[in-house]
Protein backbone atom coordinates (compact mmCIF):
# COMPACT_ATOMS: atom_id res chain seq x y z
CA UNK A 1 61.65 94.23 105.54
CA UNK A 2 64.40 93.67 102.98
CA UNK A 3 68.07 94.48 103.31
CA UNK A 4 67.56 97.59 101.16
CA UNK A 5 64.91 98.86 103.56
CA UNK A 6 67.13 98.26 106.58
CA UNK A 7 70.11 99.89 104.88
CA UNK A 8 68.02 102.95 104.08
CA UNK A 9 66.77 103.08 107.68
CA UNK A 10 70.25 102.89 109.14
CA UNK A 11 71.67 105.34 106.61
CA UNK A 12 69.11 107.90 107.75
CA UNK A 13 69.91 107.13 111.38
CA UNK A 14 73.65 107.57 110.83
CA UNK A 15 73.03 110.84 108.99
CA UNK A 16 70.96 112.08 111.93
CA UNK A 17 73.69 111.02 114.38
CA UNK A 18 76.27 112.79 112.23
CA UNK A 19 74.33 116.04 112.45
CA UNK A 20 74.01 115.70 116.21
CA UNK A 21 77.72 114.90 116.58
CA UNK A 22 78.65 117.94 114.53
CA UNK A 23 76.57 120.17 116.78
CA UNK A 24 77.79 118.75 120.11
CA UNK A 25 81.11 118.66 121.90
CA UNK A 26 81.96 115.10 120.80
CA UNK A 27 84.52 116.33 118.28
CA UNK A 28 86.01 119.09 120.41
CA UNK A 29 89.84 119.18 120.46
CA UNK A 30 91.66 117.58 123.40
CA UNK A 31 94.73 119.50 124.49
CA UNK A 32 97.77 118.73 126.62
CA UNK A 33 97.79 115.08 125.60
CA UNK A 34 100.98 113.13 126.33
CA UNK A 35 102.00 109.82 124.87
CA UNK A 36 104.71 107.38 123.93
CA UNK A 37 105.52 105.21 120.93
CA UNK A 38 104.62 101.55 121.54
CA UNK A 39 105.77 100.05 118.27
CA UNK A 40 106.32 100.71 114.59
CA UNK A 41 105.42 98.38 111.73
CA UNK A 42 106.22 99.51 108.21
CA UNK A 43 104.75 102.97 107.78
CA UNK A 44 102.35 102.66 110.72
CA UNK A 45 103.01 103.63 114.35
CA UNK A 46 101.12 102.69 117.51
CA UNK A 47 101.02 105.33 120.24
CA UNK A 48 99.69 105.16 123.77
CA UNK A 49 98.13 108.56 124.46
CA UNK A 50 97.04 109.76 127.89
CA UNK A 51 93.91 111.87 127.55
CA UNK A 52 92.68 114.58 129.92
CA UNK A 53 90.93 113.19 132.98
CA UNK A 54 87.38 112.14 132.23
CA UNK A 55 87.96 112.01 128.45
CA UNK A 56 87.68 108.96 126.22
CA UNK A 57 87.65 108.05 122.56
CA UNK A 58 85.48 105.40 120.91
CA UNK A 59 87.32 102.67 118.95
CA UNK A 60 87.64 103.19 115.19
CA UNK A 61 87.24 106.94 115.54
CA UNK A 62 89.50 108.82 113.12
CA UNK A 63 91.35 111.81 114.50
CA UNK A 64 93.93 114.42 113.67
CA UNK A 65 97.06 114.68 115.79
CA UNK A 66 98.66 118.10 116.02
CA UNK A 67 102.11 117.94 117.66
CA UNK A 68 103.80 120.99 119.16
CA UNK A 69 106.90 122.75 117.83
CA UNK A 70 105.51 123.31 114.32
CA UNK A 71 105.64 119.62 113.46
CA UNK A 72 103.40 118.46 110.63
CA UNK A 73 99.97 117.15 111.77
CA UNK A 74 99.17 113.53 111.05
CA UNK A 75 96.09 111.35 110.93
CA UNK A 76 95.32 108.53 113.32
CA UNK A 77 92.79 105.87 114.20
CA UNK A 78 91.71 104.83 117.70
CA UNK A 79 92.20 101.08 118.14
CA UNK A 80 91.29 100.80 121.81
CA UNK A 81 92.19 101.83 125.31
CA UNK A 82 90.90 102.01 128.85
CA UNK A 83 90.02 104.78 131.30
CA UNK A 84 91.72 107.89 129.91
CA UNK A 85 94.38 106.00 127.89
CA UNK A 86 93.89 105.52 124.15
CA UNK A 87 95.86 103.33 121.75
CA UNK A 88 96.10 105.19 118.45
CA UNK A 89 97.43 103.98 115.12
CA UNK A 90 99.11 106.82 113.21
CA UNK A 91 100.39 107.13 109.67
CA UNK A 92 103.38 109.33 110.56
CA UNK A 93 105.75 109.32 113.49
CA UNK A 94 105.52 112.07 116.10
CA UNK A 95 108.61 110.94 117.98
CA UNK A 96 109.43 108.37 120.66
CA UNK A 97 107.45 110.41 123.16
CA UNK A 98 105.29 113.48 122.93
CA UNK A 99 103.80 116.06 125.23
CA UNK A 100 101.30 118.85 124.79
CA UNK A 101 99.76 117.17 121.75
CA UNK A 102 96.33 118.26 120.51
CA UNK A 103 93.83 115.63 119.34
CA UNK A 104 90.89 116.49 117.10
CA UNK A 105 88.43 113.55 116.92
CA UNK A 106 86.28 113.24 113.84
CA UNK A 107 83.34 111.15 114.98
CA UNK A 108 81.07 113.15 112.69
CA UNK A 109 83.32 112.32 109.74
CA UNK A 110 83.17 108.61 110.61
CA UNK A 111 79.37 108.70 110.71
CA UNK A 112 79.21 110.65 107.43
CA UNK A 113 81.55 108.18 105.69
CA UNK A 114 79.58 105.20 107.01
CA UNK A 115 76.25 106.71 105.89
CA UNK A 116 77.70 107.45 102.46
CA UNK A 117 78.78 103.81 102.07
CA UNK A 118 75.27 102.64 102.89
CA UNK A 119 73.87 105.11 100.36
CA UNK A 120 76.33 103.82 97.76
CA UNK A 121 75.09 100.27 98.40
CA UNK A 122 71.58 101.42 97.54
CA UNK A 123 72.63 103.56 94.57
CA UNK A 124 74.94 100.92 93.05
CA UNK A 125 73.11 97.59 93.35
CA UNK A 126 75.32 95.96 90.71
CA UNK A 127 78.46 96.71 92.72
CA UNK A 128 77.17 95.08 95.92
CA UNK A 129 75.58 91.70 96.57
CA UNK A 130 72.53 92.11 98.80
CA UNK A 131 71.23 88.54 98.43
CA UNK A 132 72.95 87.20 101.58
CA UNK A 133 72.13 90.48 103.36
CA UNK A 134 68.41 89.86 102.65
CA UNK A 135 68.66 86.67 104.73
CA UNK A 136 70.22 88.73 107.53
CA UNK A 137 67.54 91.43 107.48
CA UNK A 138 64.75 89.49 109.30
CA UNK A 139 67.20 88.60 112.08
CA UNK A 140 68.16 92.24 112.58
CA UNK A 141 64.58 93.44 112.30
CA UNK A 142 63.17 91.09 114.96
CA UNK A 143 62.77 92.93 118.24
CA UNK A 144 60.63 90.70 120.44
CA UNK A 145 63.50 88.85 122.06
CA UNK A 146 66.14 86.22 121.51
CA UNK A 147 63.63 83.48 120.75
CA UNK A 148 62.91 84.83 117.27
CA UNK A 149 66.62 84.91 116.46
CA UNK A 150 67.49 81.30 117.23
CA UNK A 151 66.03 79.69 114.18
CA UNK A 152 67.87 76.99 112.29
CA UNK A 153 70.56 78.13 109.92
CA UNK A 154 70.58 77.76 106.16
CA UNK A 155 73.22 77.42 103.47
CA UNK A 156 73.32 81.23 103.17
CA UNK A 157 72.86 82.29 106.79
CA UNK A 158 74.45 80.15 109.51
CA UNK A 159 74.36 80.88 113.23
CA UNK A 160 76.75 79.64 115.89
CA UNK A 161 74.85 80.39 119.11
CA UNK A 162 76.31 79.01 122.33
CA UNK A 163 77.07 80.31 125.80
CA UNK A 164 80.79 79.42 125.81
CA UNK A 165 83.07 81.92 124.02
CA UNK A 166 85.92 79.41 123.60
CA UNK A 167 83.55 76.86 122.05
CA UNK A 168 82.19 79.45 119.61
CA UNK A 169 85.64 80.51 118.49
CA UNK A 170 86.85 76.94 118.05
CA UNK A 171 83.86 76.30 115.79
CA UNK A 172 84.64 79.44 113.82
CA UNK A 173 88.28 78.36 113.48
CA UNK A 174 87.22 74.94 112.20
CA UNK A 175 84.79 76.57 109.75
CA UNK A 176 87.49 79.00 108.57
CA UNK A 177 89.85 76.09 107.81
CA UNK A 178 87.12 74.33 105.80
CA UNK A 179 86.40 77.51 103.83
CA UNK A 180 90.08 78.17 103.12
CA UNK A 181 90.48 74.61 101.86
CA UNK A 182 87.48 75.28 99.61
CA UNK A 183 89.34 78.32 98.21
CA UNK A 184 86.89 80.83 99.68
CA UNK A 185 87.77 84.43 100.55
CA UNK A 186 86.58 85.24 104.06
CA UNK A 187 85.89 88.54 105.80
CA UNK A 188 85.86 88.25 109.60
CA UNK A 189 84.45 91.17 111.61
CA UNK A 190 84.64 91.59 115.38
CA UNK A 191 83.16 94.14 117.82
CA UNK A 192 86.57 95.57 118.75
CA UNK A 193 90.26 95.17 118.05
CA UNK A 194 91.11 93.22 121.21
CA UNK A 195 88.59 90.53 120.23
CA UNK A 196 89.89 90.62 116.67
CA UNK A 197 93.40 89.86 117.97
CA UNK A 198 92.06 87.01 120.09
CA UNK A 199 90.14 85.46 117.19
CA UNK A 200 93.14 85.76 114.86
CA UNK A 201 95.24 83.84 117.38
CA UNK A 202 92.62 81.10 117.71
CA UNK A 203 92.24 80.67 113.96
CA UNK A 204 96.01 80.76 113.34
CA UNK A 205 96.63 78.15 116.03
CA UNK A 206 93.94 75.85 114.57
CA UNK A 207 95.41 76.26 111.08
CA UNK A 208 98.87 75.46 112.39
CA UNK A 209 97.52 72.29 114.02
CA UNK A 210 95.84 71.38 110.71
CA UNK A 211 99.13 71.73 108.83
CA UNK A 212 98.26 75.00 107.04
CA UNK A 213 100.68 77.90 106.70
CA UNK A 214 98.57 80.53 108.43
CA UNK A 215 101.00 83.37 107.61
CA UNK A 216 100.14 82.89 103.95
CA UNK A 217 96.36 83.03 104.37
CA UNK A 218 95.48 85.16 107.40
CA UNK A 219 95.86 88.91 107.82
CA UNK A 220 94.89 91.29 110.61
CA UNK A 221 93.93 94.53 108.87
CA UNK A 222 94.98 96.91 111.65
CA UNK A 223 98.06 96.80 113.87
CA UNK A 224 97.62 94.10 116.50
CA UNK A 225 97.40 95.37 120.06
CA UNK A 226 98.61 92.08 121.57
CA UNK A 227 102.05 90.61 121.00
CA UNK A 228 101.00 86.96 121.21
CA UNK A 229 97.71 85.09 121.43
CA UNK A 230 97.70 81.38 122.28
CA UNK A 231 101.36 81.12 121.39
CA UNK A 232 100.88 82.81 118.02
CA UNK A 233 102.74 86.04 117.24
CA UNK A 234 99.81 88.06 115.94
CA UNK A 235 102.03 91.09 115.25
CA UNK A 236 103.49 89.36 112.18
CA UNK A 237 99.97 88.72 110.85
CA UNK A 238 99.23 92.44 110.60
CA UNK A 239 98.34 93.65 107.12
CA UNK A 240 100.91 96.43 107.25
CA UNK A 241 103.61 94.06 108.53
CA UNK A 242 102.90 91.55 105.78
CA UNK A 243 102.77 94.22 103.10
CA UNK A 244 105.94 95.88 104.40
CA UNK A 245 107.74 92.52 104.37
CA UNK A 246 106.46 91.75 100.88
CA UNK A 247 107.55 95.07 99.41
CA UNK A 248 110.86 94.95 101.27
CA UNK A 249 111.50 91.58 99.65
CA UNK A 250 110.27 92.98 96.34
CA UNK A 251 112.72 95.88 96.60
CA UNK A 252 115.52 93.48 97.51
CA UNK A 253 114.62 91.25 94.55
CA UNK A 254 114.50 94.30 92.31
CA UNK A 255 117.93 95.43 93.52
CA UNK A 256 119.32 91.94 92.92
CA UNK A 257 117.76 91.93 89.45
CA UNK A 258 119.29 95.33 88.71
CA UNK A 259 122.73 94.03 89.75
CA UNK A 260 122.29 90.98 87.53
CA UNK A 261 121.17 93.10 84.59
CA UNK A 262 124.03 95.58 85.00
CA UNK A 263 126.54 92.73 85.30
CA UNK A 264 125.03 91.12 82.18
CA UNK A 265 125.36 94.42 80.31
CA UNK A 266 128.94 94.70 81.55
CA UNK A 267 129.90 91.20 80.43
CA UNK A 268 128.08 91.24 77.09
CA UNK A 269 130.47 93.63 75.24
CA UNK A 270 133.49 92.04 76.93
CA UNK A 271 132.55 88.56 75.76
CA UNK A 272 131.52 89.90 72.36
CA UNK A 273 135.00 91.47 72.03
CA UNK A 274 136.59 88.24 73.23
CA UNK A 275 134.49 86.30 70.75
CA UNK A 276 135.58 88.51 67.87
CA UNK A 277 139.22 88.16 68.90
CA UNK A 278 138.78 84.39 69.14
CA UNK A 279 137.36 84.40 65.63
CA UNK A 280 140.38 86.40 64.42
CA UNK A 281 142.68 84.00 66.28
CA UNK A 282 141.03 81.01 64.66
CA UNK A 283 141.46 82.58 61.21
CA UNK A 284 145.14 83.36 61.82
CA UNK A 285 145.74 79.87 63.15
CA UNK A 286 144.06 78.43 60.08
CA UNK A 287 146.34 80.60 57.93
CA UNK A 288 149.33 79.42 59.95
CA UNK A 289 148.31 75.82 59.36
CA UNK A 290 148.02 76.43 55.62
CA UNK A 291 151.43 78.15 55.52
CA UNK A 292 152.99 75.32 57.50
CA UNK A 293 151.46 72.81 55.09
CA UNK A 294 152.84 74.68 52.10
CA UNK A 295 156.24 75.03 53.77
CA UNK A 296 156.32 71.32 54.55
CA UNK A 297 155.47 70.52 50.93
CA UNK A 298 158.23 72.84 49.67
CA UNK A 299 160.75 71.42 52.12
CA UNK A 300 159.84 67.94 50.91
CA UNK A 301 160.36 69.05 47.31
CA UNK A 302 163.76 70.59 48.18
CA UNK A 303 164.76 67.35 49.86
CA UNK A 304 163.72 65.43 46.74
CA UNK A 305 165.66 67.78 44.45
CA UNK A 306 168.80 67.56 46.62
CA UNK A 307 168.52 63.80 46.68
CA UNK A 308 168.14 63.70 42.89
CA UNK A 309 171.15 65.99 42.35
CA UNK A 310 173.29 63.93 44.73
CA UNK A 311 172.51 60.72 42.87
CA UNK A 312 172.13 62.16 39.37
CA UNK A 313 175.47 60.84 38.03
CA UNK A 314 174.68 57.39 39.34
CA UNK A 315 171.12 57.21 38.00
CA UNK A 316 170.39 54.64 35.32
CA UNK A 317 170.27 55.98 31.81
CA UNK A 318 166.57 55.25 31.51
CA UNK A 319 165.88 57.27 34.69
CA UNK A 320 167.93 60.25 33.40
CA UNK A 321 166.10 60.19 30.08
CA UNK A 322 162.75 60.16 31.97
CA UNK A 323 163.79 63.20 33.99
CA UNK A 324 165.04 65.06 30.94
CA UNK A 325 161.77 64.28 29.19
CA UNK A 326 159.95 66.36 31.79
CA UNK A 327 162.56 69.11 31.76
CA UNK A 328 164.55 67.99 34.77
CA UNK A 329 168.25 68.03 34.31
CA UNK A 330 171.06 69.28 36.49
CA UNK A 331 170.64 72.87 35.44
CA UNK A 332 166.84 72.92 35.77
CA UNK A 333 166.96 71.11 39.10
CA UNK A 334 169.19 73.86 40.47
CA UNK A 335 166.69 76.39 39.21
CA UNK A 336 163.86 74.45 40.92
CA UNK A 337 165.92 74.36 44.07
CA UNK A 338 166.41 78.14 44.04
CA UNK A 339 162.69 78.68 43.38
CA UNK A 340 161.68 76.36 46.22
CA UNK A 341 164.08 78.00 48.62
CA UNK A 342 162.86 81.50 47.76
CA UNK A 343 159.26 80.36 48.27
CA UNK A 344 160.26 78.80 51.60
CA UNK A 345 161.83 82.08 52.67
CA UNK A 346 158.63 83.96 51.81
CA UNK A 347 156.48 81.42 53.67
CA UNK A 348 158.73 81.62 56.72
CA UNK A 349 158.34 85.40 56.70
CA UNK A 350 154.56 85.06 56.53
CA UNK A 351 154.70 82.46 59.28
CA UNK A 352 156.64 84.83 61.50
CA UNK A 353 153.99 87.50 60.94
CA UNK A 354 151.21 84.97 61.69
CA UNK A 355 152.91 83.77 64.89
CA UNK A 356 153.40 87.35 66.05
CA UNK A 357 149.72 88.03 65.43
CA UNK A 358 148.75 84.82 67.24
CA UNK A 359 150.83 85.85 70.26
CA UNK A 360 148.95 89.17 70.29
CA UNK A 361 145.51 87.58 69.90
CA UNK A 362 145.87 84.81 72.50
CA UNK A 363 145.65 87.09 75.57
CA UNK A 364 143.04 89.30 73.87
CA UNK A 365 140.81 86.29 73.15
CA UNK A 366 141.40 84.58 76.49
CA UNK A 367 138.24 84.46 78.70
CA UNK A 368 138.76 84.31 82.49
CA UNK A 369 137.86 80.93 83.92
CA UNK A 370 134.74 82.02 85.81
CA UNK A 371 133.47 84.64 83.38
CA UNK A 372 131.81 82.33 80.86
CA UNK A 373 129.82 80.28 83.45
CA UNK A 374 128.75 83.51 85.14
CA UNK A 375 127.59 85.00 81.86
CA UNK A 376 125.73 81.83 80.87
CA UNK A 377 123.93 81.77 84.22
CA UNK A 378 122.97 85.46 83.92
CA UNK A 379 121.76 84.95 80.38
CA UNK A 380 119.63 81.99 81.43
CA UNK A 381 118.02 84.03 84.22
CA UNK A 382 117.33 86.96 81.91
CA UNK A 383 115.79 84.75 79.24
CA UNK A 384 113.65 83.10 81.93
CA UNK A 385 112.39 86.53 83.04
CA UNK A 386 111.36 87.52 79.52
CA UNK A 387 114.49 89.08 78.05
CA UNK A 388 116.28 92.37 78.50
CA UNK A 389 113.35 94.45 77.26
CA UNK A 390 111.04 93.01 79.90
CA UNK A 391 113.67 93.52 82.60
CA UNK A 392 114.14 97.14 81.57
CA UNK A 393 110.38 97.65 81.92
CA UNK A 394 110.42 96.04 85.38
CA UNK A 395 113.32 98.18 86.55
CA UNK A 396 111.84 101.34 85.07
CA UNK A 397 108.42 100.78 86.64
CA UNK A 398 107.73 102.83 89.75
CA UNK A 399 106.94 100.82 92.86
CA UNK A 400 103.24 101.12 93.60
CA UNK A 401 102.08 99.95 97.00
CA UNK A 402 98.79 98.51 95.78
CA UNK A 403 96.87 97.78 98.98
CA UNK A 404 93.85 96.48 97.09
CA UNK A 405 95.82 93.92 95.09
CA UNK A 406 97.64 92.82 98.23
CA UNK A 407 94.53 92.32 100.35
CA UNK A 408 92.84 90.41 97.55
CA UNK A 409 95.59 87.81 97.84
CA UNK A 410 94.68 87.14 101.49
CA UNK A 411 92.20 84.34 102.07
CA UNK A 412 91.02 85.52 105.50
CA UNK A 413 90.90 89.18 106.58
CA UNK A 414 90.11 90.06 110.19
CA UNK A 415 89.01 93.56 111.21
CA UNK A 416 86.16 95.39 112.93
CA UNK A 417 82.82 96.04 111.29
CA UNK A 418 83.06 99.85 111.57
CA UNK A 419 86.39 99.73 109.71
CA UNK A 420 84.77 97.78 106.89
CA UNK A 421 82.04 100.38 106.61
CA UNK A 422 84.32 103.43 106.74
CA UNK A 423 87.57 102.37 105.02
CA UNK A 424 87.48 103.10 101.24
CA UNK A 425 89.57 100.00 100.53
CA UNK A 426 86.69 97.71 101.47
CA UNK A 427 84.41 99.36 98.94
CA UNK A 428 86.62 97.85 96.21
CA UNK A 429 87.16 94.30 97.45
CA UNK A 430 84.69 91.43 97.66
CA UNK A 431 84.53 88.23 99.66
CA UNK A 432 82.73 84.91 99.50
CA UNK A 433 81.88 84.51 103.18
CA UNK A 434 81.29 86.87 106.12
CA UNK A 435 81.96 85.65 109.65
CA UNK A 436 80.68 87.97 112.39
CA UNK A 437 82.28 87.08 115.72
CA UNK A 438 80.29 88.19 118.78
CA UNK A 439 77.67 89.49 116.34
CA UNK A 440 75.22 90.82 118.99
CA UNK A 441 77.86 93.37 119.97
CA UNK A 442 78.21 94.63 116.38
CA UNK A 443 75.83 97.43 115.40
CA UNK A 444 73.37 96.67 112.60
CA UNK A 445 74.69 99.37 110.22
CA UNK A 446 78.30 98.11 109.98
CA UNK A 447 77.04 94.52 109.99
CA UNK A 448 74.86 95.30 106.95
CA UNK A 449 77.77 97.12 105.33
CA UNK A 450 79.97 94.05 105.73
CA UNK A 451 77.18 91.74 104.53
CA UNK A 452 76.95 93.70 101.29
CA UNK A 453 80.52 92.69 100.40
CA UNK A 454 79.93 88.91 100.39
CA UNK A 455 78.62 86.77 97.57
CA UNK A 456 77.67 83.47 99.15
CA UNK A 457 77.30 83.09 102.89
CA UNK A 458 77.02 84.84 106.27
CA UNK A 459 77.97 83.21 109.57
CA UNK A 460 76.91 84.84 112.86
CA UNK A 461 78.42 83.80 116.18
CA UNK A 462 77.58 84.85 119.70
CA UNK A 463 75.37 84.43 122.73
CA UNK A 464 71.69 85.09 122.08
CA UNK A 465 71.30 86.64 125.52
CA UNK A 466 73.60 89.45 124.40
CA UNK A 467 71.24 90.56 121.64
CA UNK A 468 68.83 92.25 124.02
CA UNK A 469 71.62 93.28 126.38
CA UNK A 470 73.59 95.10 123.68
CA UNK A 471 70.52 96.49 121.90
CA UNK A 472 72.59 97.32 118.79
CA UNK A 473 70.25 95.77 116.22
CA UNK A 474 67.10 97.72 116.98
CA UNK A 475 66.55 100.65 114.65
CA UNK A 476 64.68 103.75 115.72
CA UNK A 477 61.63 102.41 113.86
CA UNK A 478 61.73 99.19 115.89
CA UNK A 479 62.25 101.10 119.11
CA UNK A 480 59.26 103.29 118.37
CA UNK A 481 57.09 100.18 118.06
């Protein structure tokens, strides 16, 4: 039997279960539920809800939460619990504590969504890779006992069968490190969220010991139920926590960029005005220098004329004749003197005007000591970011919390198999390797759904004795045989 055959078998089984769930009391509302807020991460909230005696909710079951007092209903997801206590992840807050809450489970909706995903895998073969899943199919189809499932692994399907849980997880952690170093994208699925938290802690600790920054590579898709595992704070590895931190930093960076841009726009006209005034000041100073040069020349000529007049009577005859030959006698020298003095007076008037203008321009052209370095630094940053047009586009763009783009940047994603099969996000992302921790305790349908998302390799881990004990791989067809 191929993977397509198994997928079709399990799709039909899930559809039948969905019809039975819709016609039974599984999805009946639960009233008078009380609870308290355990923690909040980003836009997600974890509540501990106390159900009516004798009631329980299966993990990964979606539900609607209807608070009292006309509060808006919200959606939630069951992550775990014990006895009549359920831990529920919600998308909206319903307060620090709540009483008389009504829960409406949607087990039928979960089954319908899961069956639809399997149908999509059959209807869209180009969108899913079923090659690795074909290697998994014979293992899931075998029903005669554990012996048929303990064959040697291959490059596509690898098994980590051993009795010791700690040994299995250490091997998976070592394998995960090797795959990350090979630049592979890994999807890790677990039977439940408690085991997912435990495996995340083991892998993160091994990566830390190997010198890898696990916070950069590992993400726990749901909110972690444990605070710490093996000394690792698994809460900070939650997908929502990482995304919230990323977008908080992004918003802070955007606010800082906006301040820089606004300051740049504020300084640009100021420095342009100062630059124009400095240009005017330079021109006036150049004019002043020219006037001073002319005045100096005229004053030198006046000094020469006065000296000539003072010594004229004592000049040698030949010198007098030379002066008269060029039109310089006592009378003409006096005329020259008057002309030079009148020109000097005009130049001094122009110089006074120039100095007054210089005194006006100096403070107008003066740039505060720290303004120019600040402007140069801002300009350098803006040029580095692509210029003012690019920055305007960045600032004008609406913030879009793109969960798909964010999860594609994670190298190792840990979740449960039913979440992979039912969450629409996983229909749009692909991985290189699938690691199924405690695989015998994962039902065949979600395991096949996760296998359809990987391109290269599947790794199964667990205890072979649990395969028959759990009985989650046998389809109705196999059971009938």
